[in-house]
Amino acid sequence: MENKVVARFRDGRLVKGTTTNFLPTKPSFHLQTPDRQVIEVKIADLKALFFVKRLEGNPSYHEQKGFTDRKMYGQRVSCRLGDGEVLTGYTQGYDPSRPGFFLVPADPNSNNERVFVVNSPAVTVTILK
């Protein structure tokens, strides 16, 4: 299955494209850019991988950080990435000993379907009630 993704790197770079071989247990995957360039992405180089509805996104939309009454499975979490970006959402598999975890955004109107957050000492995850 082809997934639209935005790879956000620890060094600030951003690459948009598609992938068919991302697995959270593998150290790398291939990303094909819109101009058909294929690059190998190492998970260790990422801060997060955003699985998106549209690659263009909506630059004028500001994602809501609060939770709605929408019924979702998993733990409510707030996640502060190394660069200060804060993500809020639901996760079913946070374990700091794993390479990362999936987060489903709290905002139902987000362009992000889910986010693979790469665990690192710079990432702070808070489990919310």
N, C-alpha and C. Protein backbone atom coordinates (compact mmCIF):
# COMPACT_ATOMS: atom_id res chain seq x y z
N MET A 1 0.84 -1.18 0.00
CA MET A 1 0.00 0.00 0.00
C MET A 1 0.89 1.25 0.00
N GLU A 2 0.54 2.18 -0.84
CA GLU A 2 1.31 3.42 -0.93
C GLU A 2 0.77 4.44 0.07
N ASN A 3 1.67 4.99 0.87
CA ASN A 3 1.31 6.00 1.87
C ASN A 3 1.92 7.34 1.52
N LYS A 4 1.13 8.41 1.64
CA LYS A 4 1.66 9.77 1.49
C LYS A 4 2.29 10.15 2.81
N VAL A 5 3.55 10.61 2.76
CA VAL A 5 4.27 10.92 3.99
C VAL A 5 5.04 12.23 3.88
N VAL A 6 5.27 12.81 5.05
CA VAL A 6 6.17 13.95 5.18
C VAL A 6 7.21 13.54 6.21
N ALA A 7 8.45 13.43 5.76
CA ALA A 7 9.56 13.07 6.65
C ALA A 7 10.15 14.34 7.22
N ARG A 8 10.12 14.46 8.55
CA ARG A 8 10.69 15.62 9.23
C ARG A 8 11.95 15.14 9.94
N PHE A 9 13.08 15.69 9.52
CA PHE A 9 14.38 15.25 10.03
C PHE A 9 14.80 16.05 11.25
N ARG A 10 15.68 15.46 12.05
CA ARG A 10 16.20 16.13 13.25
C ARG A 10 16.96 17.40 12.91
N ASP A 11 17.57 17.43 11.73
CA ASP A 11 18.36 18.61 11.33
C ASP A 11 17.50 19.72 10.71
N GLY A 12 16.16 19.53 10.71
CA GLY A 12 15.26 20.56 10.20
C GLY A 12 14.79 20.34 8.78
N ARG A 13 15.41 19.43 8.05
CA ARG A 13 14.97 19.15 6.68
C ARG A 13 13.57 18.54 6.68
N LEU A 14 12.89 18.70 5.55
CA LEU A 14 11.55 18.16 5.35
C LEU A 14 11.50 17.61 3.93
N VAL A 15 11.05 16.36 3.79
CA VAL A 15 10.92 15.74 2.47
C VAL A 15 9.52 15.13 2.37
N LYS A 16 8.81 15.48 1.30
CA LYS A 16 7.47 14.95 1.05
C LYS A 16 7.53 13.91 -0.04
N GLY A 17 6.63 12.92 0.05
CA GLY A 17 6.57 11.90 -0.99
C GLY A 17 5.69 10.74 -0.58
N THR A 18 6.00 9.57 -1.13
CA THR A 18 5.24 8.36 -0.83
C THR A 18 6.20 7.25 -0.45
N THR A 19 5.66 6.29 0.30
CA THR A 19 6.45 5.11 0.66
C THR A 19 5.54 3.88 0.63
N THR A 20 6.16 2.76 0.31
CA THR A 20 5.43 1.49 0.33
C THR A 20 6.09 0.49 1.27
N ASN A 21 7.24 0.87 1.85
CA ASN A 21 7.96 -0.13 2.65
C ASN A 21 8.36 0.34 4.04
N PHE A 22 7.63 1.30 4.62
CA PHE A 22 7.94 1.71 5.99
C PHE A 22 7.44 0.65 6.97
N LEU A 23 8.32 0.24 7.86
CA LEU A 23 7.95 -0.62 8.99
C LEU A 23 8.63 -0.05 10.23
N PRO A 24 7.91 0.10 11.33
CA PRO A 24 8.50 0.71 12.52
C PRO A 24 9.65 -0.10 13.12
N THR A 25 9.76 -1.36 12.74
CA THR A 25 10.82 -2.22 13.27
C THR A 25 12.07 -2.24 12.40
N LYS A 26 12.03 -1.59 11.26
CA LYS A 26 13.18 -1.57 10.34
C LYS A 26 13.96 -0.27 10.50
N PRO A 27 15.28 -0.30 10.28
CA PRO A 27 16.09 0.91 10.48
C PRO A 27 15.96 1.96 9.37
N SER A 28 15.39 1.57 8.22
CA SER A 28 15.26 2.54 7.13
C SER A 28 14.10 2.14 6.21
N PHE A 29 13.75 3.07 5.31
CA PHE A 29 12.71 2.82 4.32
C PHE A 29 13.00 3.71 3.12
N HIS A 30 12.28 3.48 2.02
CA HIS A 30 12.46 4.28 0.82
C HIS A 30 11.29 5.25 0.66
N LEU A 31 11.63 6.46 0.24
CA LEU A 31 10.64 7.51 0.02
C LEU A 31 10.81 8.00 -1.41
N GLN A 32 9.70 8.04 -2.16
CA GLN A 32 9.74 8.56 -3.52
C GLN A 32 9.15 9.96 -3.52
N THR A 33 9.94 10.93 -3.96
CA THR A 33 9.51 12.32 -4.00
C THR A 33 8.57 12.54 -5.18
N PRO A 34 7.83 13.65 -5.20
CA PRO A 34 6.92 13.92 -6.33
C PRO A 34 7.63 13.95 -7.69
N ASP A 35 8.94 14.26 -7.71
CA ASP A 35 9.67 14.26 -8.98
C ASP A 35 10.30 12.90 -9.28
N ARG A 36 9.83 11.86 -8.57
CA ARG A 36 10.20 10.46 -8.78
C ARG A 36 11.61 10.09 -8.30
N GLN A 37 12.24 10.94 -7.54
CA GLN A 37 13.54 10.61 -6.95
C GLN A 37 13.28 9.68 -5.76
N VAL A 38 14.03 8.59 -5.66
CA VAL A 38 13.89 7.66 -4.54
C VAL A 38 15.07 7.85 -3.61
N ILE A 39 14.75 8.08 -2.33
CA ILE A 39 15.82 8.25 -1.34
C ILE A 39 15.61 7.25 -0.20
N GLU A 40 16.72 6.83 0.38
CA GLU A 40 16.65 5.98 1.56
C GLU A 40 16.63 6.89 2.78
N VAL A 41 15.68 6.65 3.66
CA VAL A 41 15.54 7.45 4.88
C VAL A 41 15.85 6.55 6.07
N LYS A 42 16.78 6.98 6.89
CA LYS A 42 17.12 6.24 8.11
C LYS A 42 16.24 6.77 9.25
N ILE A 43 15.59 5.86 9.95
CA ILE A 43 14.70 6.24 11.06
C ILE A 43 15.46 7.08 12.08
N ALA A 44 16.70 6.74 12.35
CA ALA A 44 17.50 7.45 13.36
C ALA A 44 17.71 8.92 13.00
N ASP A 45 17.57 9.28 11.72
CA ASP A 45 17.75 10.67 11.29
C ASP A 45 16.47 11.50 11.41
N LEU A 46 15.34 10.84 11.69
CA LEU A 46 14.05 11.53 11.73
C LEU A 46 13.68 11.98 13.13
N LYS A 47 12.87 13.05 13.20
CA LYS A 47 12.19 13.36 14.46
C LYS A 47 10.81 12.71 14.41
N ALA A 48 10.19 12.67 13.22
CA ALA A 48 8.88 12.04 13.07
C ALA A 48 8.57 11.84 11.59
N LEU A 49 7.72 10.86 11.32
CA LEU A 49 7.22 10.61 9.97
C LEU A 49 5.71 10.81 10.01
N PHE A 50 5.23 11.79 9.24
CA PHE A 50 3.82 12.15 9.22
C PHE A 50 3.13 11.47 8.04
N PHE A 51 2.15 10.64 8.32
CA PHE A 51 1.33 10.01 7.28
C PHE A 51 0.16 10.96 7.05
N VAL A 52 0.07 11.51 5.84
CA VAL A 52 -0.84 12.62 5.59
C VAL A 52 -1.95 12.26 4.61
N LYS A 53 -3.03 13.05 4.66
CA LYS A 53 -4.13 12.90 3.71
C LYS A 53 -3.74 13.49 2.37
N ARG A 54 -3.11 14.68 2.41
CA ARG A 54 -2.67 15.36 1.19
C ARG A 54 -1.26 15.90 1.40
N LEU A 55 -0.40 15.73 0.41
CA LEU A 55 0.97 16.23 0.53
C LEU A 55 1.02 17.75 0.61
N GLU A 56 0.05 18.42 -0.03
CA GLU A 56 0.03 19.88 -0.02
C GLU A 56 -0.36 20.42 1.35
N GLY A 57 -1.16 19.66 2.09
CA GLY A 57 -1.64 20.13 3.39
C GLY A 57 -2.52 21.36 3.24
N ASN A 58 -2.68 22.08 4.34
CA ASN A 58 -3.44 23.33 4.35
C ASN A 58 -2.67 24.31 5.22
N PRO A 59 -1.78 25.10 4.62
CA PRO A 59 -0.92 26.00 5.39
C PRO A 59 -1.67 27.00 6.27
N SER A 60 -2.92 27.31 5.93
CA SER A 60 -3.66 28.29 6.72
C SER A 60 -4.37 27.66 7.92
N TYR A 61 -4.41 26.32 7.99
CA TYR A 61 -5.09 25.64 9.09
C TYR A 61 -4.14 25.46 10.27
N HIS A 62 -4.59 25.80 11.45
CA HIS A 62 -3.80 25.60 12.67
C HIS A 62 -4.42 24.46 13.46
N GLU A 63 -3.67 23.38 13.59
CA GLU A 63 -4.18 22.19 14.26
C GLU A 63 -4.52 22.47 15.72
N GLN A 64 -5.68 21.95 16.14
CA GLN A 64 -6.12 22.10 17.52
C GLN A 64 -5.35 21.11 18.40
N LYS A 65 -4.90 21.56 19.55
CA LYS A 65 -4.10 20.70 20.43
C LYS A 65 -4.94 20.02 21.51
N GLY A 66 -6.20 20.44 21.68
CA GLY A 66 -7.05 19.85 22.70
C GLY A 66 -7.76 18.60 22.19
N PHE A 67 -8.36 17.89 23.11
CA PHE A 67 -9.10 16.68 22.77
C PHE A 67 -10.58 16.99 22.63
N THR A 68 -11.25 16.27 21.75
CA THR A 68 -12.69 16.44 21.53
C THR A 68 -13.41 15.28 22.22
N ASP A 69 -14.72 15.22 22.05
CA ASP A 69 -15.51 14.12 22.62
C ASP A 69 -15.46 12.88 21.73
N ARG A 70 -14.72 12.95 20.66
CA ARG A 70 -14.62 11.83 19.72
C ARG A 70 -14.07 10.60 20.45
N LYS A 71 -14.71 9.47 20.25
CA LYS A 71 -14.28 8.22 20.88
C LYS A 71 -13.09 7.65 20.11
N MET A 72 -11.98 7.49 20.81
CA MET A 72 -10.77 6.93 20.21
C MET A 72 -10.19 5.90 21.18
N TYR A 73 -9.51 4.92 20.63
CA TYR A 73 -8.85 3.91 21.46
C TYR A 73 -7.43 4.36 21.76
N GLY A 74 -6.95 3.95 22.89
CA GLY A 74 -5.57 4.23 23.25
C GLY A 74 -5.45 5.28 24.34
N GLN A 75 -4.22 5.56 24.69
CA GLN A 75 -3.92 6.54 25.73
C GLN A 75 -3.84 7.93 25.12
N ARG A 76 -4.35 8.90 25.86
CA ARG A 76 -4.19 10.30 25.45
C ARG A 76 -2.78 10.73 25.84
N VAL A 77 -2.06 11.32 24.89
CA VAL A 77 -0.70 11.75 25.18
C VAL A 77 -0.43 13.14 24.62
N SER A 78 0.53 13.78 25.24
CA SER A 78 1.11 15.01 24.72
C SER A 78 2.58 14.70 24.53
N CYS A 79 3.11 15.08 23.39
CA CYS A 79 4.47 14.73 23.04
C CYS A 79 5.22 15.99 22.62
N ARG A 80 6.31 16.31 23.33
CA ARG A 80 7.14 17.45 22.96
C ARG A 80 8.39 16.91 22.27
N LEU A 81 8.55 17.30 21.00
CA LEU A 81 9.69 16.85 20.23
C LEU A 81 10.91 17.70 20.56
N GLY A 82 12.07 17.25 20.11
CA GLY A 82 13.32 17.91 20.45
C GLY A 82 13.41 19.37 20.05
N ASP A 83 12.68 19.76 19.01
CA ASP A 83 12.72 21.16 18.54
C ASP A 83 11.62 22.00 19.18
N GLY A 84 10.87 21.42 20.14
CA GLY A 84 9.83 22.16 20.83
C GLY A 84 8.43 21.96 20.27
N GLU A 85 8.31 21.33 19.11
CA GLU A 85 6.98 21.08 18.54
C GLU A 85 6.20 20.14 19.47
N VAL A 86 4.92 20.44 19.67
CA VAL A 86 4.08 19.63 20.55
C VAL A 86 3.00 18.95 19.71
N LEU A 87 2.87 17.64 19.89
CA LEU A 87 1.83 16.85 19.25
C LEU A 87 0.92 16.30 20.34
N THR A 88 -0.38 16.32 20.10
CA THR A 88 -1.32 15.70 21.04
C THR A 88 -2.16 14.70 20.28
N GLY A 89 -2.46 13.60 20.95
CA GLY A 89 -3.26 12.58 20.30
C GLY A 89 -3.35 11.32 21.12
N TYR A 90 -3.60 10.23 20.41
CA TYR A 90 -3.83 8.94 21.03
C TYR A 90 -2.77 7.95 20.55
N THR A 91 -2.32 7.10 21.46
CA THR A 91 -1.38 6.05 21.08
C THR A 91 -1.79 4.75 21.74
N GLN A 92 -1.52 3.66 21.06
CA GLN A 92 -1.80 2.34 21.63
C GLN A 92 -0.51 1.61 22.00
N GLY A 93 0.63 2.21 21.66
CA GLY A 93 1.85 1.44 21.85
C GLY A 93 3.06 2.23 22.28
N TYR A 94 2.90 3.17 23.21
CA TYR A 94 4.08 3.91 23.64
C TYR A 94 4.93 3.05 24.57
N ASP A 95 6.17 2.89 24.18
CA ASP A 95 7.16 2.19 25.00
C ASP A 95 8.49 2.87 24.72
N PRO A 96 9.07 3.54 25.71
CA PRO A 96 10.30 4.30 25.46
C PRO A 96 11.48 3.44 25.03
N SER A 97 11.38 2.12 25.20
CA SER A 97 12.49 1.26 24.78
C SER A 97 12.41 0.88 23.30
N ARG A 98 11.31 1.20 22.65
CA ARG A 98 11.16 0.91 21.22
C ARG A 98 11.68 2.08 20.39
N PRO A 99 11.93 1.85 19.10
CA PRO A 99 12.43 2.93 18.24
C PRO A 99 11.47 4.11 18.11
N GLY A 100 10.17 3.85 18.27
CA GLY A 100 9.19 4.92 18.14
C GLY A 100 7.79 4.39 18.39
N PHE A 101 6.80 5.24 18.13
CA PHE A 101 5.41 4.85 18.35
C PHE A 101 4.51 5.67 17.44
N PHE A 102 3.33 5.12 17.16
CA PHE A 102 2.34 5.83 16.35
C PHE A 102 1.44 6.67 17.23
N LEU A 103 1.11 7.85 16.74
CA LEU A 103 0.21 8.77 17.41
C LEU A 103 -0.86 9.18 16.40
N VAL A 104 -2.13 9.08 16.79
CA VAL A 104 -3.25 9.57 15.97
C VAL A 104 -3.62 10.94 16.53
N PRO A 105 -3.58 11.98 15.70
CA PRO A 105 -3.84 13.34 16.20
C PRO A 105 -5.19 13.48 16.89
N ALA A 106 -5.22 14.31 17.93
CA ALA A 106 -6.47 14.59 18.63
C ALA A 106 -7.44 15.38 17.75
N ASP A 107 -6.90 16.21 16.86
CA ASP A 107 -7.73 17.05 15.99
C ASP A 107 -8.26 16.22 14.82
N PRO A 108 -9.58 15.98 14.75
CA PRO A 108 -10.12 15.18 13.66
C PRO A 108 -9.98 15.84 12.29
N ASN A 109 -9.71 17.14 12.25
CA ASN A 109 -9.55 17.85 10.98
C ASN A 109 -8.09 17.99 10.56
N SER A 110 -7.20 17.36 11.29
CA SER A 110 -5.78 17.42 10.97
C SER A 110 -5.52 16.79 9.60
N ASN A 111 -4.54 17.29 8.89
CA ASN A 111 -4.10 16.65 7.64
C ASN A 111 -3.33 15.37 7.94
N ASN A 112 -2.88 15.21 9.17
CA ASN A 112 -2.14 14.01 9.56
C ASN A 112 -3.11 12.89 9.92
N GLU A 113 -2.95 11.75 9.26
CA GLU A 113 -3.75 10.58 9.62
C GLU A 113 -3.16 9.92 10.86
N ARG A 114 -1.84 9.83 10.88
CA ARG A 114 -1.10 9.31 12.02
C ARG A 114 0.33 9.79 11.90
N VAL A 115 1.05 9.71 13.00
CA VAL A 115 2.44 10.18 13.04
C VAL A 115 3.27 9.10 13.71
N PHE A 116 4.39 8.74 13.09
CA PHE A 116 5.34 7.85 13.76
C PHE A 116 6.37 8.75 14.41
N VAL A 117 6.33 8.81 15.75
CA VAL A 117 7.26 9.64 16.51
C VAL A 117 8.46 8.79 16.86
N VAL A 118 9.65 9.27 16.50
CA VAL A 118 10.88 8.54 16.78
C VAL A 118 11.32 8.86 18.21
N ASN A 119 11.47 7.80 19.01
CA ASN A 119 11.92 7.99 20.39
C ASN A 119 13.37 8.47 20.42
N SER A 120 13.63 9.42 21.28
CA SER A 120 15.00 9.89 21.51
C SER A 120 15.02 10.57 22.87
N PRO A 121 16.20 10.80 23.43
CA PRO A 121 16.26 11.50 24.72
C PRO A 121 15.65 12.90 24.67
N ALA A 122 15.55 13.48 23.48
CA ALA A 122 15.00 14.83 23.33
C ALA A 122 13.48 14.85 23.30
N VAL A 123 12.84 13.69 23.23
CA VAL A 123 11.38 13.59 23.15
C VAL A 123 10.80 13.37 24.55
N THR A 124 9.81 14.18 24.90
CA THR A 124 9.13 14.03 26.19
C THR A 124 7.68 13.64 25.93
N VAL A 125 7.27 12.50 26.47
CA VAL A 125 5.89 12.03 26.30
C VAL A 125 5.20 12.08 27.66
N THR A 126 4.04 12.72 27.69
CA THR A 126 3.24 12.81 28.91
C THR A 126 1.92 12.09 28.67
N ILE A 127 1.63 11.09 29.51
CA ILE A 127 0.36 10.38 29.44
C ILE A 127 -0.68 11.25 30.15
N LEU A 128 -1.77 11.55 29.46
CA LEU A 128 -2.82 12.42 30.00
C LEU A 128 -4.00 11.59 30.46
N LYS A 129 -4.78 12.13 31.35
CA LYS A 129 -5.98 11.43 31.86
C LYS A 129 -7.17 11.74 30.99
